């Protein structure tokens, strides 16, 4: 299965009961953060970091809406002036 991560996506992660939101790592443009773990754009554990739990699947926009999750991008507070 192919996964392509993007900022503000929602994913199901092995061992975690609730969906987790993906955010872009602002210190490394090639990394994404999920629940404190770093992943590359293809959903693999990022090189030289502790391997995070496996990503089971990317939630569709409809799945996210059905679960009442935000499907809108919101910039991190550190980027807002």
Protein backbone atom coordinates (compact mmCIF):
# COMPACT_ATOMS: atom_id res chain seq x y z
CA UNK A 1 0.00 0.00 0.00
CA UNK A 2 1.29 3.44 -0.92
CA UNK A 3 1.05 6.32 1.56
CA UNK A 4 1.96 9.92 0.74
CA UNK A 5 1.91 12.13 3.80
CA UNK A 6 0.95 15.78 3.72
CA UNK A 7 0.56 18.51 6.32
CA UNK A 8 -2.76 18.25 8.23
CA UNK A 9 -3.60 14.72 7.00
CA UNK A 10 -5.06 12.19 9.44
CA UNK A 11 -3.64 8.68 9.78
CA UNK A 12 -4.36 5.48 11.66
CA UNK A 13 -1.27 4.31 13.56
CA UNK A 14 -0.60 0.84 14.95
CA UNK A 15 -1.20 0.69 18.71
CA UNK A 16 -3.00 4.05 18.91
CA UNK A 17 -6.79 4.03 19.22
CA UNK A 18 -7.46 7.51 17.83
CA UNK A 19 -6.46 9.00 14.47
CA UNK A 20 -3.32 11.13 14.56
CA UNK A 21 -2.79 14.34 12.62
CA UNK A 22 0.29 14.76 10.45
CA UNK A 23 2.27 17.97 10.65
CA UNK A 24 5.26 19.16 8.69
CA UNK A 25 8.49 19.30 10.66
CA UNK A 26 9.38 23.01 10.49
CA UNK A 27 13.06 22.27 11.20
CA UNK A 28 13.44 19.67 8.44
CA UNK A 29 11.45 20.16 5.21
CA UNK A 30 11.71 16.47 4.27
CA UNK A 31 10.17 15.16 7.52
CA UNK A 32 6.66 14.84 8.90
CA UNK A 33 5.69 14.48 12.56
CA UNK A 34 3.07 12.08 13.84
CA UNK A 35 2.59 11.73 17.58
CA UNK A 36 6.18 12.88 18.20
CA UNK A 37 7.79 10.51 15.67
CA UNK A 38 9.40 11.54 12.39
CA UNK A 39 8.41 9.99 9.05
CA UNK A 40 9.35 10.63 5.45
CA UNK A 41 6.80 11.54 2.77
CA UNK A 42 6.17 7.84 2.07
CA UNK A 43 5.24 7.11 5.70
CA UNK A 44 8.48 5.34 6.62
CA UNK A 45 10.32 6.02 9.87
CA UNK A 46 12.75 8.86 9.25
CA UNK A 47 16.44 7.99 9.05
CA UNK A 48 18.47 8.27 12.26
CA UNK A 49 15.45 8.52 14.57
CA UNK A 50 13.60 6.14 16.82
CA UNK A 51 11.30 4.07 14.66
CA UNK A 52 7.73 5.13 15.24
CA UNK A 53 4.73 2.84 15.07
CA UNK A 54 3.61 1.69 11.63
CA UNK A 55 1.13 3.84 9.77
CA UNK A 56 -1.81 1.60 8.91
CA UNK A 57 -3.56 3.93 6.48
CA UNK A 58 -4.28 7.51 5.55
CA UNK A 59 -7.83 8.59 6.34
CA UNK A 60 -9.85 9.99 3.47
CA UNK A 61 -11.38 13.45 3.83
CA UNK A 62 -14.79 11.82 4.17
CA UNK A 63 -13.57 9.49 6.94
CA UNK A 64 -12.07 12.47 8.80
CA UNK A 65 -15.31 14.46 8.50
CA UNK A 66 -17.38 11.48 9.65
CA UNK A 67 -15.19 11.21 12.77
CA UNK A 68 -15.59 14.95 13.41
CA UNK A 69 -11.92 15.73 12.74
CA UNK A 70 -10.79 19.03 11.28
CA UNK A 71 -10.02 18.80 7.58
CA UNK A 72 -8.79 22.38 7.39
CA UNK A 73 -5.13 23.33 7.49
CA UNK A 74 -4.22 25.49 10.45
CA UNK A 75 -0.79 27.05 10.67
CA UNK A 76 1.17 26.37 13.85
CA UNK A 77 0.96 29.21 16.37
CA UNK A 78 4.70 29.75 16.01
CA UNK A 79 4.14 30.88 12.40
CA UNK A 80 1.33 33.30 13.19
CA UNK A 81 2.18 36.92 13.87
